[in-house]
Amino acid sequence: MGIQAPAEVKFTLIHEAIEGEDNTLSVSSLCRIAGVSRSGYYAWVSAAHNRQAREEIDVADYEIVKQAYEFRGYKKGARSIYMRLLHLCPPVIMNMKKIRRLMDKFGLVCPKRQANPYRRMAKAMKTSHVAKNMINREFKKYEPREALLTDITYLFYKGGVCYLSPIMDVCTHETLSYTLSESLKVDFVLEMVDKMCTEYGAELDDTTIVHSDQGCHYTSNAFIQKLHDKEFVQSMSRKGNCWDNAPQESFFGHMKDDISELVAGCKSFHDVRNVVRTWMDYYNNDRYQWDLEKLSPKEFHKYRKTGEYPLKVGISKNKKNRGSAPNPGV
């Protein structure tokens, strides 16, 4: 018969009962009631020292995991924690299963992705101009600065709503430029392109592709003319097909995982701008990505340019890239 509970829980209850001053039952009786063997109980008692040692190790490792989880104020999942540990000096290599076990044991929760309300609006938009889909979901074939992705998302805060327009490198996932606006007028999208050209113009040329959805901003004459003046190649997703711009959608999802609560608590547009500015710096420099050889976008761009992998641990599985990257199963 016995009690329905894990054996370790039963052994603990038996031990507490025996230690109690008012206990009148023998070990044999308690084990029979709980449905466990006497030998199992005594083996558990003799292993108390080992359990205590393991618990102390778990607590020490949890402190390391927690610091990585809270790095720069943004909650992270197991993969992000793993990559953050690799960036410590000296690097810490911790098995992914152990990280997940410690997160579950001590209640560290990875934030869940929220739906993007802009997608519903974008599907309903009519377009007057549609450019050819030059990228065609072949995101992996481009070198740095050869293809750029852009889109618009909403950020809701206590004072109302504002709109974010970033542009990212499809190869390195760097955010090359972004603008935040209180209005959906096309000007803030044009400003984003100008800001990018000011900082990265020397790395771009007339073969650089700028890919977007078919939203009204990107089909407008002003945006088309802006790309023409900068000598960029325009590309568009198929109508209502978010997978054609998947890396940009993923970017928005991860951003909102990290800052949606902070933005929701902002009382002014100025406060939102500060939250976004801080996160953009974190994203480019310190938010490590599994598909970028476990590096941040800025680190990965430098790696692609120099061939020197900054983390001197493990062996890379990516034959296209030189250097070394760690194996999470170590």
Protein backbone atom coordinates (compact mmCIF):
# COMPACT_ATOMS: atom_id res chain seq x y z
CA MET A 1 0.00 0.00 0.00
CA GLY A 2 2.22 2.84 1.27
CA ILE A 3 2.13 6.61 0.87
CA GLN A 4 2.09 8.06 -2.67
CA ALA A 5 5.26 10.16 -2.68
CA PRO A 6 8.89 9.93 -3.86
CA ALA A 7 11.09 7.61 -1.76
CA GLU A 8 13.27 10.48 -0.54
CA VAL A 9 10.21 12.30 0.78
CA LYS A 10 9.11 9.15 2.63
CA PHE A 11 12.56 8.66 4.14
CA THR A 12 12.54 12.26 5.34
CA LEU A 13 9.12 11.84 6.98
CA ILE A 14 10.23 8.61 8.67
CA HIS A 15 13.40 10.28 9.96
CA GLU A 16 11.43 13.25 11.34
CA ALA A 17 8.96 10.90 13.02
CA ILE A 18 11.73 8.86 14.68
CA GLU A 19 13.43 12.01 15.92
CA GLY A 20 10.17 13.25 17.45
CA GLU A 21 9.82 12.93 21.21
CA ASP A 22 6.29 11.51 21.08
CA ASN A 23 7.02 8.78 18.53
CA THR A 24 6.11 5.23 19.64
CA LEU A 25 6.56 3.41 16.31
CA SER A 26 9.62 1.47 15.25
CA VAL A 27 11.58 2.01 12.04
CA SER A 28 10.12 -1.23 10.68
CA SER A 29 6.55 -0.08 11.32
CA LEU A 30 7.11 3.34 9.77
CA CYS A 31 8.77 1.80 6.71
CA ARG A 32 5.88 -0.65 6.30
CA ILE A 33 3.33 2.20 6.54
CA ALA A 34 5.27 4.29 4.04
CA GLY A 35 5.83 1.35 1.68
CA VAL A 36 9.64 1.45 1.67
CA SER A 37 12.31 -1.01 2.80
CA ARG A 38 14.29 -0.73 6.05
CA SER A 39 17.53 -1.21 4.11
CA GLY A 40 16.58 1.62 1.79
CA TYR A 41 15.89 3.90 4.74
CA TYR A 42 19.20 3.09 6.47
CA ALA A 43 21.08 3.57 3.18
CA TRP A 44 19.42 6.99 2.90
CA VAL A 45 20.45 7.88 6.47
CA SER A 46 24.06 6.83 5.87
CA ALA A 47 24.18 8.98 2.72
CA ALA A 48 23.17 12.15 4.59
CA HIS A 49 26.68 13.56 4.42
CA ASN A 50 26.82 13.06 0.63
CA ARG A 51 23.40 14.70 0.20
CA GLN A 52 24.53 17.67 2.23
CA ALA A 53 27.67 17.99 0.12
CA ARG A 54 25.62 17.85 -3.10
CA GLU A 55 23.20 20.44 -1.72
CA GLU A 56 26.08 22.79 -0.91
CA ILE A 57 27.41 22.36 -4.45
CA ASP A 58 23.95 23.08 -5.88
CA VAL A 59 23.63 26.24 -3.79
CA ALA A 60 27.06 27.47 -4.93
CA ASP A 61 26.29 26.68 -8.59
CA TYR A 62 22.88 28.30 -8.27
CA GLU A 63 24.50 31.57 -7.21
CA ILE A 64 26.57 31.52 -10.41
CA VAL A 65 23.50 30.66 -12.52
CA LYS A 66 21.44 33.37 -10.82
CA GLN A 67 24.05 36.03 -11.58
CA ALA A 68 23.97 35.00 -15.26
CA TYR A 69 20.14 34.87 -15.19
CA GLU A 70 19.96 38.46 -13.89
CA PHE A 71 22.90 39.85 -15.93
CA ARG A 72 22.15 43.47 -16.91
CA GLY A 73 18.66 43.15 -15.42
CA TYR A 74 17.07 40.86 -18.04
CA LYS A 75 15.76 37.38 -17.19
CA LYS A 76 17.15 34.59 -19.33
CA GLY A 77 16.51 30.99 -20.36
CA ALA A 78 18.93 28.08 -19.98
CA ARG A 79 20.70 28.69 -23.30
CA SER A 80 21.30 32.35 -22.59
CA ILE A 81 22.59 31.48 -19.12
CA TYR A 82 24.91 28.86 -20.61
CA MET A 83 26.35 31.41 -23.06
CA ARG A 84 26.69 34.09 -20.38
CA LEU A 85 28.71 31.66 -18.24
CA LEU A 86 31.08 31.10 -21.16
CA HIS A 87 31.72 34.85 -21.27
CA LEU A 88 32.85 35.01 -17.66
CA CYS A 89 36.54 35.37 -16.88
CA PRO A 90 37.52 32.61 -16.42
CA PRO A 91 34.68 30.94 -18.40
CA VAL A 92 32.33 28.59 -16.57
CA ILE A 93 31.24 25.48 -18.49
CA MET A 94 28.08 24.05 -16.96
CA ASN A 95 25.97 21.26 -18.47
CA MET A 96 22.65 22.47 -19.91
CA LYS A 97 20.75 19.77 -18.02
CA LYS A 98 22.26 21.01 -14.77
CA ILE A 99 21.33 24.62 -15.55
CA ARG A 100 17.74 23.58 -16.24
CA ARG A 101 17.67 21.43 -13.10
CA LEU A 102 18.90 24.32 -10.94
CA MET A 103 16.42 26.71 -12.56
CA ASP A 104 13.58 24.31 -11.77
CA LYS A 105 14.84 23.58 -8.26
CA PHE A 106 15.25 27.22 -7.24
CA GLY A 107 12.33 28.67 -9.24
CA LEU A 108 14.09 30.67 -11.98
CA VAL A 109 11.52 31.16 -14.75
CA CYS A 110 12.30 32.00 -18.38
CA PRO A 111 10.00 34.77 -19.73
CA LYS A 112 7.40 33.68 -22.29
CA ARG A 113 7.04 35.25 -25.72
CA GLN A 114 4.08 37.61 -26.21
CA ALA A 115 2.12 37.94 -29.45
CA ASN A 116 2.93 40.89 -31.72
CA PRO A 117 -0.28 42.93 -32.34
CA TYR A 118 1.27 44.68 -35.37
CA ARG A 119 1.02 41.48 -37.42
CA ARG A 120 -2.77 41.64 -37.49
CA MET A 121 -2.64 45.20 -38.78
CA ALA A 122 0.03 44.40 -41.39
CA LYS A 123 -2.05 41.60 -42.89
CA ALA A 124 -4.94 43.98 -43.46
CA MET A 125 -2.84 46.64 -45.18
CA LYS A 126 -3.24 47.22 -48.90
CA THR A 127 -0.09 48.03 -50.87
CA SER A 128 0.46 50.11 -53.96
CA HIS A 129 3.97 48.84 -54.62
CA VAL A 130 5.46 45.39 -54.06
CA ALA A 131 9.17 44.65 -54.51
CA LYS A 132 10.50 41.20 -55.39
CA ASN A 133 11.40 38.91 -52.49
CA MET A 134 15.18 38.89 -52.99
CA ILE A 135 16.02 37.00 -49.79
CA ASN A 136 13.41 34.23 -50.13
CA ARG A 137 14.09 32.96 -46.59
CA GLU A 138 17.73 32.14 -47.43
CA PHE A 139 18.95 33.99 -44.36
CA LYS A 140 22.08 31.87 -43.85
CA LYS A 141 23.73 32.57 -47.20
CA TYR A 142 24.56 36.24 -46.68
CA GLU A 143 27.78 37.77 -45.42
CA PRO A 144 27.79 40.75 -43.01
CA ARG A 145 26.16 43.90 -44.44
CA GLU A 146 24.87 42.13 -47.55
CA ALA A 147 21.24 41.85 -46.40
CA LEU A 148 19.31 43.91 -43.84
CA LEU A 149 15.88 43.33 -42.30
CA THR A 150 13.44 45.88 -40.92
CA ASP A 151 9.94 46.06 -39.48
CA ILE A 152 7.82 48.07 -37.03
CA THR A 153 6.45 47.02 -33.65
CA TYR A 154 4.23 48.62 -30.99
CA LEU A 155 5.35 49.31 -27.41
CA PHE A 156 2.57 50.01 -24.92
CA TYR A 157 3.29 52.02 -21.78
CA LYS A 158 1.28 53.89 -19.13
CA GLY A 159 1.34 57.10 -21.14
CA GLY A 160 0.08 55.47 -24.35
CA VAL A 161 1.78 53.71 -27.25
CA CYS A 162 4.91 54.30 -29.30
CA TYR A 163 6.46 52.63 -32.33
CA LEU A 164 9.89 51.08 -32.81
CA SER A 165 11.58 50.70 -36.19
CA PRO A 166 14.95 48.85 -36.14
CA ILE A 167 17.08 47.57 -39.01
CA MET A 168 19.25 44.50 -38.46
CA ASP A 169 22.00 42.64 -40.30
CA VAL A 170 20.65 39.23 -41.32
CA CYS A 171 24.08 37.59 -40.92
CA THR A 172 25.29 39.01 -37.60
CA HIS A 173 21.86 39.94 -36.16
CA GLU A 174 23.28 43.34 -35.16
CA THR A 175 20.83 46.22 -34.86
CA LEU A 176 22.54 48.79 -37.09
CA SER A 177 20.04 51.53 -36.37
CA TYR A 178 16.64 52.14 -34.82
CA THR A 179 14.17 54.95 -34.19
CA LEU A 180 11.41 55.24 -31.63
CA SER A 181 8.42 57.42 -32.45
CA GLU A 182 5.19 58.62 -30.87
CA SER A 183 3.67 58.76 -34.37
CA LEU A 184 3.32 56.24 -37.21
CA LYS A 185 4.20 58.86 -39.82
CA VAL A 186 6.74 57.55 -42.32
CA ASP A 187 9.39 60.05 -41.19
CA PHE A 188 10.70 57.87 -38.36
CA VAL A 189 11.37 54.99 -40.77
CA LEU A 190 13.29 57.32 -43.09
CA GLU A 191 15.26 58.62 -40.12
CA MET A 192 16.24 55.05 -39.26
CA VAL A 193 17.80 54.60 -42.72
CA ASP A 194 19.65 57.93 -42.48
CA LYS A 195 21.06 57.05 -39.04
CA MET A 196 22.27 53.68 -40.32
CA CYS A 197 23.99 55.24 -43.32
CA THR A 198 25.70 57.83 -41.11
CA GLU A 199 27.30 55.12 -38.95
CA TYR A 200 27.70 52.20 -41.35
CA GLY A 201 27.59 53.79 -44.81
CA ALA A 202 31.18 52.81 -45.58
CA GLU A 203 30.27 49.13 -45.12
CA LEU A 204 27.21 49.25 -47.40
CA ASP A 205 27.01 49.46 -51.21
CA ASP A 206 24.61 49.20 -54.13
CA THR A 207 24.26 45.43 -53.64
CA THR A 208 22.98 45.74 -50.05
CA ILE A 209 19.43 44.39 -49.75
CA VAL A 210 16.88 46.05 -47.45
CA HIS A 211 14.06 43.59 -46.77
CA SER A 212 10.70 44.36 -45.14
CA ASP A 213 7.07 43.29 -45.18
CA GLN A 214 4.48 44.97 -47.40
CA GLY A 215 3.41 47.52 -44.77
CA CYS A 216 2.37 50.97 -45.92
CA HIS A 217 5.65 52.54 -44.74
CA TYR A 218 7.73 50.38 -47.07
CA THR A 219 5.41 50.76 -50.07
CA SER A 220 5.33 54.55 -49.69
CA ASN A 221 6.96 56.73 -52.31
CA ALA A 222 9.11 58.38 -49.63
CA PHE A 223 10.67 55.07 -48.51
CA ILE A 224 11.14 53.79 -52.05
CA GLN A 225 12.88 57.06 -52.97
CA LYS A 226 15.05 56.92 -49.85
CA LEU A 227 16.36 53.45 -50.78
CA HIS A 228 16.89 54.61 -54.35
CA ASP A 229 18.89 57.62 -53.19
CA LYS A 230 21.05 55.41 -50.96
CA GLU A 231 21.44 52.91 -53.83
CA PHE A 232 20.05 49.97 -51.85
CA VAL A 233 18.13 47.01 -53.30
CA GLN A 234 14.57 46.77 -52.00
CA SER A 235 13.04 43.40 -51.12
CA MET A 236 9.67 42.47 -49.60
CA SER A 237 8.06 39.47 -47.94
CA ARG A 238 4.98 37.91 -49.44
CA LYS A 239 1.82 39.51 -48.14
CA GLY A 240 0.92 38.42 -44.62
CA ASN A 241 3.81 35.93 -44.47
CA CYS A 242 5.82 36.62 -41.31
CA TRP A 243 8.19 33.69 -41.99
CA ASP A 244 9.73 35.66 -44.87
CA ASN A 245 11.08 38.08 -42.24
CA ALA A 246 11.57 35.52 -39.46
CA PRO A 247 14.82 36.82 -37.87
CA GLN A 248 13.29 40.27 -37.41
CA GLU A 249 10.16 38.76 -35.87
CA SER A 250 12.35 36.71 -33.53
CA PHE A 251 14.23 39.88 -32.57
CA PHE A 252 10.98 41.59 -31.54
CA GLY A 253 9.92 38.54 -29.57
CA HIS A 254 13.14 38.36 -27.57
CA MET A 255 13.11 42.10 -26.97
CA LYS A 256 9.59 41.99 -25.55
CA ASP A 257 10.47 38.97 -23.42
CA ASP A 258 13.07 41.17 -21.76
CA ILE A 259 11.50 44.63 -21.56
CA SER A 260 7.71 44.37 -21.87
CA GLU A 261 7.20 44.71 -18.10
CA LEU A 262 9.67 47.60 -17.88
CA VAL A 263 7.97 49.42 -20.77
CA ALA A 264 4.50 48.79 -19.35
CA GLY A 265 5.58 50.60 -16.19
CA CYS A 266 6.92 53.68 -18.01
CA LYS A 267 4.98 56.89 -17.50
CA SER A 268 6.43 58.85 -20.43
CA PHE A 269 7.87 58.41 -23.92
CA HIS A 270 11.20 59.60 -22.54
CA ASP A 271 11.20 56.70 -20.05
CA VAL A 272 10.46 54.20 -22.82
CA ARG A 273 13.31 55.61 -24.90
CA ASN A 274 15.74 55.07 -22.03
CA VAL A 275 14.57 51.46 -21.57
CA VAL A 276 14.95 50.76 -25.30
CA ARG A 277 18.36 52.46 -25.49
CA THR A 278 19.69 50.37 -22.62
CA TRP A 279 18.33 47.14 -24.07
CA MET A 280 19.69 47.82 -27.57
CA ASP A 281 23.17 48.24 -26.10
CA TYR A 282 22.71 45.01 -24.13
CA TYR A 283 21.40 43.16 -27.21
CA ASN A 284 24.26 44.12 -29.51
CA ASN A 285 27.06 43.65 -26.98
CA ASP A 286 25.97 41.19 -24.30
CA ARG A 287 22.95 39.16 -25.44
CA TYR A 288 24.57 35.97 -26.67
CA GLN A 289 22.86 33.87 -29.34
CA TRP A 290 23.08 30.12 -29.85
CA ASP A 291 23.11 30.39 -33.65
CA LEU A 292 25.89 32.99 -33.58
CA GLU A 293 28.44 30.52 -32.19
CA LYS A 294 27.27 31.55 -28.69
CA LEU A 295 28.49 35.13 -29.19
CA SER A 296 26.76 38.50 -29.08
CA PRO A 297 25.99 40.16 -32.45
CA LYS A 298 28.95 42.56 -32.13
CA GLU A 299 31.29 39.73 -31.14
CA PHE A 300 30.06 37.60 -34.04
CA HIS A 301 30.60 40.41 -36.55
CA LYS A 302 34.18 40.81 -35.36
CA TYR A 303 34.64 37.04 -35.48
CA ARG A 304 33.45 36.91 -39.10
CA LYS A 305 35.83 39.72 -40.03
CA THR A 306 38.93 38.43 -38.25
CA GLY A 307 38.36 34.68 -37.95
CA GLU A 308 39.44 34.85 -34.30
CA TYR A 309 36.96 33.20 -31.94
CA PRO A 310 36.97 35.11 -28.62
CA LEU A 311 36.02 32.21 -26.32
CA LYS A 312 38.95 29.83 -26.01
CA VAL A 313 36.99 26.72 -25.04
CA GLY A 314 35.74 23.70 -26.99
CA ILE A 315 35.56 23.05 -30.73
CA SER A 316 33.24 24.70 -33.25
CA LYS A 317 30.72 22.52 -35.09
CA ASN A 318 30.33 25.18 -37.78
CA LYS A 319 32.72 24.28 -40.59
CA LYS A 320 32.22 27.64 -42.30
CA ASN A 321 33.71 29.54 -39.36
CA ARG A 322 37.19 29.27 -37.97
CA GLY A 323 37.93 29.31 -34.24
CA SER A 324 36.30 27.32 -31.49
CA ALA A 325 32.93 27.14 -29.82
CA PRO A 326 31.92 25.08 -26.78
CA ASN A 327 29.80 21.97 -26.65
CA PRO A 328 26.81 22.47 -24.28
CA GLY A 329 26.77 18.81 -23.38
CA VAL A 330 30.21 18.97 -21.72
